């Protein structure tokens, strides 16, 4: 009996061993998830600095090409705008000059007519003064690009001449300017005022002679 009692006391007084620890999973944690959970997943790999630099360089190159294209387009648009403004300003200047010069041409015409009639006057001083004013005006217009249009003795050109009438002439071939009634002018090559002229229709006999067919018909009627 005493032996049994001693054994029970020894069993009761024996130290209690701790429970064995759980077998860790393959990922090294205690949850046995085999690395499937977020806590046990392997950390992401660090990107290669060279790859990051290459990507940034490629993006910068695309931006450079885009900005260069936008710059070239803007420069071309501005250059076209500058040319258009300059062209409009020049056209406005030419239009204003044309209006003024047309008025001056009327004054020059009157001065020329005054000189033509001054020949019958005994006052040569007045004629010389008018001649000086006319010469000064002509020099001024020439400095502004105004030039006279050749007319008398020239071939009739509808772009430069305005025909007022046709007149037969034995000395001037048909289609030639016979008389200049009003002088014409150009401004920088463009017609400012056409010359008003009389055009020759050729010799009077040629103009009055009927065609050969008509002459033959008249001869036959006479014979009949």
C-alpha atoms as a PDB file:
ATOM      1  CA  UNK A   1       0.000   0.000   0.000  1.00  0.00           C
ATOM      2  CA  UNK A   2       2.765   2.375   0.918  1.00  0.00           C
ATOM      3  CA  UNK A   3       4.417   1.785  -2.441  1.00  0.00           C
ATOM      4  CA  UNK A   4       1.266   2.613  -4.385  1.00  0.00           C
ATOM      5  CA  UNK A   5       0.784   5.796  -2.382  1.00  0.00           C
ATOM      6  CA  UNK A   6       4.340   6.888  -3.096  1.00  0.00           C
ATOM      7  CA  UNK A   7       3.918   6.291  -6.814  1.00  0.00           C
ATOM      8  CA  UNK A   8       0.749   8.430  -6.924  1.00  0.00           C
ATOM      9  CA  UNK A   9       2.509  11.261  -5.122  1.00  0.00           C
ATOM     10  CA  UNK A  10       5.420  11.075  -7.495  1.00  0.00           C
ATOM     11  CA  UNK A  11       3.043  11.149 -10.441  1.00  0.00           C
ATOM     12  CA  UNK A  12       1.178  14.146  -9.059  1.00  0.00           C
ATOM     13  CA  UNK A  13       4.330  16.071  -8.276  1.00  0.00           C
ATOM     14  CA  UNK A  14       5.981  15.354 -11.661  1.00  0.00           C
ATOM     15  CA  UNK A  15       6.493  18.534 -13.795  1.00  0.00           C
ATOM     16  CA  UNK A  16       4.015  19.025 -16.601  1.00  0.00           C
ATOM     17  CA  UNK A  17       5.742  19.206 -19.967  1.00  0.00           C
ATOM     18  CA  UNK A  18       4.675  21.912 -22.416  1.00  0.00           C
ATOM     19  CA  UNK A  19       2.578  20.850 -25.386  1.00  0.00           C
ATOM     20  CA  UNK A  20       4.708  20.320 -28.454  1.00  0.00           C
ATOM     21  CA  UNK A  21       4.811  23.281 -30.806  1.00  0.00           C
ATOM     22  CA  UNK A  22       2.817  23.068 -34.038  1.00  0.00           C
ATOM     23  CA  UNK A  23       4.806  21.960 -37.058  1.00  0.00           C
ATOM     24  CA  UNK A  24       5.608  25.049 -39.034  1.00  0.00           C
ATOM     25  CA  UNK A  25       4.387  25.302 -42.647  1.00  0.00           C
ATOM     26  CA  UNK A  26       6.637  25.317 -45.643  1.00  0.00           C
ATOM     27  CA  UNK A  27       6.698  29.149 -45.650  1.00  0.00           C
ATOM     28  CA  UNK A  28       8.095  29.265 -42.165  1.00  0.00           C
ATOM     29  CA  UNK A  29       4.972  30.625 -40.428  1.00  0.00           C
ATOM     30  CA  UNK A  30       2.744  28.898 -37.905  1.00  0.00           C
ATOM     31  CA  UNK A  31      -0.420  28.893 -40.038  1.00  0.00           C
ATOM     32  CA  UNK A  32       0.565  26.015 -42.308  1.00  0.00           C
ATOM     33  CA  UNK A  33      -0.586  27.993 -45.439  1.00  0.00           C
ATOM     34  CA  UNK A  34       2.296  26.916 -47.601  1.00  0.00           C
ATOM     35  CA  UNK A  35       2.972  30.599 -48.466  1.00  0.00           C
ATOM     36  CA  UNK A  36      -0.506  31.244 -49.881  1.00  0.00           C
ATOM     37  CA  UNK A  37      -1.492  34.140 -47.586  1.00  0.00           C
ATOM     38  CA  UNK A  38      -0.444  37.779 -47.999  1.00  0.00           C
ATOM     39  CA  UNK A  39       1.613  37.732 -44.816  1.00  0.00           C
ATOM     40  CA  UNK A  40       3.583  34.731 -45.973  1.00  0.00           C
ATOM     41  CA  UNK A  41       3.985  35.730 -49.669  1.00  0.00           C
ATOM     42  CA  UNK A  42       7.479  36.415 -50.891  1.00  0.00           C
ATOM     43  CA  UNK A  43       8.334  40.158 -51.112  1.00  0.00           C
ATOM     44  CA  UNK A  44       8.216  41.659 -54.663  1.00  0.00           C
ATOM     45  CA  UNK A  45      11.426  41.858 -56.552  1.00  0.00           C
ATOM     46  CA  UNK A  46      13.084  45.261 -56.826  1.00  0.00           C
ATOM     47  CA  UNK A  47      12.988  46.662 -60.424  1.00  0.00           C
ATOM     48  CA  UNK A  48      16.231  46.945 -62.263  1.00  0.00           C
ATOM     49  CA  UNK A  49      17.447  50.575 -62.075  1.00  0.00           C
ATOM     50  CA  UNK A  50      18.644  50.362 -65.675  1.00  0.00           C
ATOM     51  CA  UNK A  51      15.167  49.330 -66.850  1.00  0.00           C
ATOM     52  CA  UNK A  52      13.614  52.217 -64.918  1.00  0.00           C
ATOM     53  CA  UNK A  53      16.106  54.653 -66.419  1.00  0.00           C
ATOM     54  CA  UNK A  54      15.512  53.294 -69.942  1.00  0.00           C
ATOM     55  CA  UNK A  55      11.731  53.701 -69.551  1.00  0.00           C
ATOM     56  CA  UNK A  56      12.090  57.272 -68.315  1.00  0.00           C
ATOM     57  CA  UNK A  57      14.439  58.056 -71.197  1.00  0.00           C
ATOM     58  CA  UNK A  58      11.979  56.654 -73.749  1.00  0.00           C
ATOM     59  CA  UNK A  59       9.139  58.717 -72.259  1.00  0.00           C
ATOM     60  CA  UNK A  60      11.292  61.848 -72.361  1.00  0.00           C
ATOM     61  CA  UNK A  61      12.166  61.174 -76.008  1.00  0.00           C
ATOM     62  CA  UNK A  62       8.469  60.928 -76.914  1.00  0.00           C
ATOM     63  CA  UNK A  63       7.768  64.209 -75.153  1.00  0.00           C
ATOM     64  CA  UNK A  64      10.696  65.838 -76.960  1.00  0.00           C
ATOM     65  CA  UNK A  65       9.402  64.755 -80.366  1.00  0.00           C
ATOM     66  CA  UNK A  66       5.898  65.954 -79.492  1.00  0.00           C
ATOM     67  CA  UNK A  67       7.073  69.363 -78.249  1.00  0.00           C
ATOM     68  CA  UNK A  68       9.354  69.809 -81.266  1.00  0.00           C
ATOM     69  CA  UNK A  69       6.480  69.082 -83.644  1.00  0.00           C
ATOM     70  CA  UNK A  70       4.242  71.561 -81.813  1.00  0.00           C
ATOM     71  CA  UNK A  71       7.000  74.175 -81.935  1.00  0.00           C
ATOM     72  CA  UNK A  72       7.546  73.737 -85.666  1.00  0.00           C
ATOM     73  CA  UNK A  73       3.810  73.985 -86.327  1.00  0.00           C
ATOM     74  CA  UNK A  74       3.514  77.122 -84.215  1.00  0.00           C
ATOM     75  CA  UNK A  75       6.520  78.677 -85.948  1.00  0.00           C
ATOM     76  CA  UNK A  76       5.070  77.913 -89.395  1.00  0.00           C
ATOM     77  CA  UNK A  77       1.678  79.337 -88.432  1.00  0.00           C
ATOM     78  CA  UNK A  78       3.294  82.495 -87.084  1.00  0.00           C
ATOM     79  CA  UNK A  79       5.413  82.880 -90.227  1.00  0.00           C
ATOM     80  CA  UNK A  80       2.303  82.547 -92.413  1.00  0.00           C
ATOM     81  CA  UNK A  81       0.488  85.056 -90.218  1.00  0.00           C
ATOM     82  CA  UNK A  82       3.382  87.518 -90.472  1.00  0.00           C
ATOM     83  CA  UNK A  83       3.472  87.206 -94.258  1.00  0.00           C
ATOM     84  CA  UNK A  84      -0.302  87.613 -94.495  1.00  0.00           C
ATOM     85  CA  UNK A  85      -0.234  90.758 -92.348  1.00  0.00           C
ATOM     86  CA  UNK A  86       2.600  92.214 -94.415  1.00  0.00           C
ATOM     87  CA  UNK A  87       0.754  91.394 -97.641  1.00  0.00           C
ATOM     88  CA  UNK A  88      -2.460  92.982 -96.383  1.00  0.00           C
ATOM     89  CA  UNK A  89      -0.578  96.080 -95.247  1.00  0.00           C
ATOM     90  CA  UNK A  90       1.123  96.376 -98.635  1.00  0.00           C
ATOM     91  CA  UNK A  91      -2.202  95.947-100.415  1.00  0.00           C
ATOM     92  CA  UNK A  92      -3.740  98.639 -98.221  1.00  0.00           C
ATOM     93  CA  UNK A  93      -0.839 100.960 -98.969  1.00  0.00           C
ATOM     94  CA  UNK A  94      -1.127 100.353-102.695  1.00  0.00           C
ATOM     95  CA  UNK A  95      -4.876 100.951-102.639  1.00  0.00           C
ATOM     96  CA  UNK A  96      -4.454 104.228-100.783  1.00  0.00           C
ATOM     97  CA  UNK A  97      -1.669 105.268-103.167  1.00  0.00           C
ATOM     98  CA  UNK A  98      -3.784 104.416-106.206  1.00  0.00           C
ATOM     99  CA  UNK A  99      -6.629 106.649-105.062  1.00  0.00           C
ATOM    100  CA  UNK A 100      -4.259 109.551-104.427  1.00  0.00           C
ATOM    101  CA  UNK A 101      -2.341 109.121-107.672  1.00  0.00           C
ATOM    102  CA  UNK A 102      -5.521 108.959-109.734  1.00  0.00           C
ATOM    103  CA  UNK A 103      -6.457 112.369-108.352  1.00  0.00           C
ATOM    104  CA  UNK A 104      -2.981 113.664-109.169  1.00  0.00           C
ATOM    105  CA  UNK A 105      -3.286 112.372-112.727  1.00  0.00           C
ATOM    106  CA  UNK A 106      -6.277 114.623-113.289  1.00  0.00           C
ATOM    107  CA  UNK A 107      -4.197 117.584-112.124  1.00  0.00           C
ATOM    108  CA  UNK A 108      -1.344 116.575-114.432  1.00  0.00           C
ATOM    109  CA  UNK A 109      -3.791 116.333-117.347  1.00  0.00           C
ATOM    110  CA  UNK A 110      -4.977 119.871-116.723  1.00  0.00           C
ATOM    111  CA  UNK A 111      -1.401 121.143-116.550  1.00  0.00           C
ATOM    112  CA  UNK A 112      -0.559 119.488-119.865  1.00  0.00           C
ATOM    113  CA  UNK A 113      -3.623 121.039-121.468  1.00  0.00           C
ATOM    114  CA  UNK A 114      -2.586 124.424-120.068  1.00  0.00           C
ATOM    115  CA  UNK A 115       0.834 124.028-121.686  1.00  0.00           C
ATOM    116  CA  UNK A 116      -0.735 123.122-125.013  1.00  0.00           C
ATOM    117  CA  UNK A 117      -2.782 126.339-125.002  1.00  0.00           C
ATOM    118  CA  UNK A 118       0.104 128.413-123.640  1.00  0.00           C
ATOM    119  CA  UNK A 119       1.718 128.378-127.061  1.00  0.00           C
ATOM    120  CA  UNK A 120      -0.724 130.980-128.315  1.00  0.00           C
ATOM    121  CA  UNK A 121      -0.040 133.272-125.370  1.00  0.00           C
ATOM    122  CA  UNK A 122       2.708 135.901-125.265  1.00  0.00           C
ATOM    123  CA  UNK A 123       3.297 135.342-121.545  1.00  0.00           C
ATOM    124  CA  UNK A 124       6.143 132.825-121.628  1.00  0.00           C
ATOM    125  CA  UNK A 125       6.782 133.138-117.906  1.00  0.00           C
ATOM    126  CA  UNK A 126       3.459 131.577-117.003  1.00  0.00           C
ATOM    127  CA  UNK A 127       4.020 128.701-119.399  1.00  0.00           C
ATOM    128  CA  UNK A 128       7.457 128.039-117.940  1.00  0.00           C
ATOM    129  CA  UNK A 129       6.029 128.050-114.430  1.00  0.00           C
ATOM    130  CA  UNK A 130       3.334 125.557-115.395  1.00  0.00           C
ATOM    131  CA  UNK A 131       5.977 123.397-117.099  1.00  0.00           C
ATOM    132  CA  UNK A 132       8.073 123.355-113.925  1.00  0.00           C
ATOM    133  CA  UNK A 133       5.062 122.361-111.796  1.00  0.00           C
ATOM    134  CA  UNK A 134       4.182 119.585-114.245  1.00  0.00           C
ATOM    135  CA  UNK A 135       7.758 118.296-114.299  1.00  0.00           C
ATOM    136  CA  UNK A 136       7.901 118.278-110.509  1.00  0.00           C
ATOM    137  CA  UNK A 137       4.628 116.374-110.326  1.00  0.00           C
ATOM    138  CA  UNK A 138       5.825 113.841-112.881  1.00  0.00           C
ATOM    139  CA  UNK A 139       9.046 113.309-110.950  1.00  0.00           C
ATOM    140  CA  UNK A 140       7.051 112.788-107.762  1.00  0.00           C
ATOM    141  CA  UNK A 141       4.794 110.206-109.367  1.00  0.00           C
ATOM    142  CA  UNK A 142       7.784 108.434-110.915  1.00  0.00           C
ATOM    143  CA  UNK A 143       9.392 108.154-107.490  1.00  0.00           C
ATOM    144  CA  UNK A 144       6.216 106.414-106.315  1.00  0.00           C
ATOM    145  CA  UNK A 145       6.368 103.834-109.098  1.00  0.00           C
ATOM    146  CA  UNK A 146       4.151 105.579-111.657  1.00  0.00           C
ATOM    147  CA  UNK A 147       5.178 105.217-115.311  1.00  0.00           C
ATOM    148  CA  UNK A 148       3.528 106.310-118.546  1.00  0.00           C
ATOM    149  CA  UNK A 149       2.055 103.778-120.974  1.00  0.00           C
ATOM    150  CA  UNK A 150       3.389 104.046-124.561  1.00  0.00           C
ATOM    151  CA  UNK A 151       0.477 104.540-126.922  1.00  0.00           C
ATOM    152  CA  UNK A 152       0.867 106.443-130.223  1.00  0.00           C
ATOM    153  CA  UNK A 153       2.500 104.226-132.850  1.00  0.00           C
ATOM    154  CA  UNK A 154       2.256 101.124-130.679  1.00  0.00           C
ATOM    155  CA  UNK A 155       0.222  98.004-131.347  1.00  0.00           C
ATOM    156  CA  UNK A 156      -3.152  98.190-129.664  1.00  0.00           C
ATOM    157  CA  UNK A 157      -3.135  96.240-126.398  1.00  0.00           C
ATOM    158  CA  UNK A 158      -6.505  95.876-124.661  1.00  0.00           C
ATOM    159  CA  UNK A 159      -4.683  95.379-121.371  1.00  0.00           C
ATOM    160  CA  UNK A 160      -3.057  98.817-121.627  1.00  0.00           C
ATOM    161  CA  UNK A 161      -5.217 100.793-124.048  1.00  0.00           C
ATOM    162  CA  UNK A 162      -8.879 101.740-124.131  1.00  0.00           C
ATOM    163  CA  UNK A 163     -10.132 102.222-127.699  1.00  0.00           C
ATOM    164  CA  UNK A 164     -12.478 105.168-128.082  1.00  0.00           C
ATOM    165  CA  UNK A 165     -12.877 104.820-131.862  1.00  0.00           C
ATOM    166  CA  UNK A 166     -11.385 103.367-135.028  1.00  0.00           C
ATOM    167  CA  UNK A 167     -10.238 105.570-137.865  1.00  0.00           C
ATOM    168  CA  UNK A 168      -8.824 104.722-141.320  1.00  0.00           C
ATOM    169  CA  UNK A 169      -5.277 105.817-142.020  1.00  0.00           C
ATOM    170  CA  UNK A 170      -2.959 105.441-144.982  1.00  0.00           C
ATOM    171  CA  UNK A 171       0.164 105.871-142.867  1.00  0.00           C
ATOM    172  CA  UNK A 172      -0.728 103.671-139.873  1.00  0.00           C
ATOM    173  CA  UNK A 173      -1.385  99.933-140.314  1.00  0.00           C
ATOM    174  CA  UNK A 174      -4.558  98.420-138.968  1.00  0.00           C
ATOM    175  CA  UNK A 175      -4.475  97.567-135.278  1.00  0.00           C
ATOM    176  CA  UNK A 176      -1.979 100.280-134.424  1.00  0.00           C
ATOM    177  CA  UNK A 177      -2.701 103.198-132.116  1.00  0.00           C
ATOM    178  CA  UNK A 178      -3.283 106.233-134.299  1.00  0.00           C
ATOM    179  CA  UNK A 179      -3.987 108.962-131.735  1.00  0.00           C
ATOM    180  CA  UNK A 180      -3.492 109.134-127.982  1.00  0.00           C
ATOM    181  CA  UNK A 181      -6.457 110.999-126.563  1.00  0.00           C
ATOM    182  CA  UNK A 182      -5.535 110.617-122.842  1.00  0.00           C
ATOM    183  CA  UNK A 183      -2.224 109.388-121.448  1.00  0.00           C
ATOM    184  CA  UNK A 184      -2.259 106.148-119.479  1.00  0.00           C
ATOM    185  CA  UNK A 185      -0.149 105.187-116.475  1.00  0.00           C
ATOM    186  CA  UNK A 186       0.944 102.110-114.537  1.00  0.00           C
ATOM    187  CA  UNK A 187       1.779 101.767-110.850  1.00  0.00           C
ATOM    188  CA  UNK A 188       4.519  99.230-110.110  1.00  0.00           C
ATOM    189  CA  UNK A 189       3.634  97.418-113.332  1.00  0.00           C
ATOM    190  CA  UNK A 190      -0.135  97.355-112.710  1.00  0.00           C
ATOM    191  CA  UNK A 191      -2.408  99.511-114.815  1.00  0.00           C
ATOM    192  CA  UNK A 192      -3.402 102.611-112.903  1.00  0.00           C
ATOM    193  CA  UNK A 193      -5.294 104.160-115.805  1.00  0.00           C
ATOM    194  CA  UNK A 194      -5.440 102.796-119.374  1.00  0.00           C
ATOM    195  CA  UNK A 195      -4.505 105.087-122.227  1.00  0.00           C
ATOM    196  CA  UNK A 196      -7.546 106.303-124.158  1.00  0.00           C
ATOM    197  CA  UNK A 197      -6.704 105.980-127.847  1.00  0.00           C
ATOM    198  CA  UNK A 198      -8.010 105.968-131.395  1.00  0.00           C
ATOM    199  CA  UNK A 199      -7.062 102.812-133.300  1.00  0.00           C
ATOM    200  CA  UNK A 200      -6.237 102.675-137.007  1.00  0.00           C
ATOM    201  CA  UNK A 201      -8.441 100.526-139.212  1.00  0.00           C
ATOM    202  CA  UNK A 202      -5.952 100.611-142.097  1.00  0.00           C
ATOM    203  CA  UNK A 203      -6.013 102.444-145.442  1.00  0.00           C
ATOM    204  CA  UNK A 204      -9.319 104.021-146.388  1.00  0.00           C
ATOM    205  CA  UNK A 205      -9.454 102.282-149.763  1.00  0.00           C
ATOM    206  CA  UNK A 206      -9.044  98.864-148.187  1.00  0.00           C
ATOM    207  CA  UNK A 207     -11.767  99.689-145.715  1.00  0.00           C
ATOM    208  CA  UNK A 208     -14.183 100.826-148.456  1.00  0.00           C
ATOM    209  CA  UNK A 209     -13.377  98.077-151.000  1.00  0.00           C
ATOM    210  CA  UNK A 210     -15.961  95.271-150.833  1.00  0.00           C
ATOM    211  CA  UNK A 211     -14.776  91.666-150.672  1.00  0.00           C
ATOM    212  CA  UNK A 212     -13.945  89.844-153.888  1.00  0.00           C
ATOM    213  CA  UNK A 213     -17.124  87.804-153.788  1.00  0.00           C
ATOM    214  CA  UNK A 214     -19.292  90.907-153.556  1.00  0.00           C
ATOM    215  CA  UNK A 215     -17.394  92.557-156.472  1.00  0.00           C
ATOM    216  CA  UNK A 216     -18.015  89.510-158.683  1.00  0.00           C
ATOM    217  CA  UNK A 217     -21.701  89.597-157.854  1.00  0.00           C
ATOM    218  CA  UNK A 218     -21.946  93.289-158.754  1.00  0.00           C
ATOM    219  CA  UNK A 219     -20.159  92.634-162.089  1.00  0.00           C
ATOM    220  CA  UNK A 220     -22.600  89.915-163.008  1.00  0.00           C
ATOM    221  CA  UNK A 221     -25.578  92.107-162.197  1.00  0.00           C
ATOM    222  CA  UNK A 222     -24.133  94.887-164.365  1.00  0.00           C
ATOM    223  CA  UNK A 223     -23.602  92.539-167.311  1.00  0.00           C
ATOM    224  CA  UNK A 224     -27.132  91.232-166.985  1.00  0.00           C
END
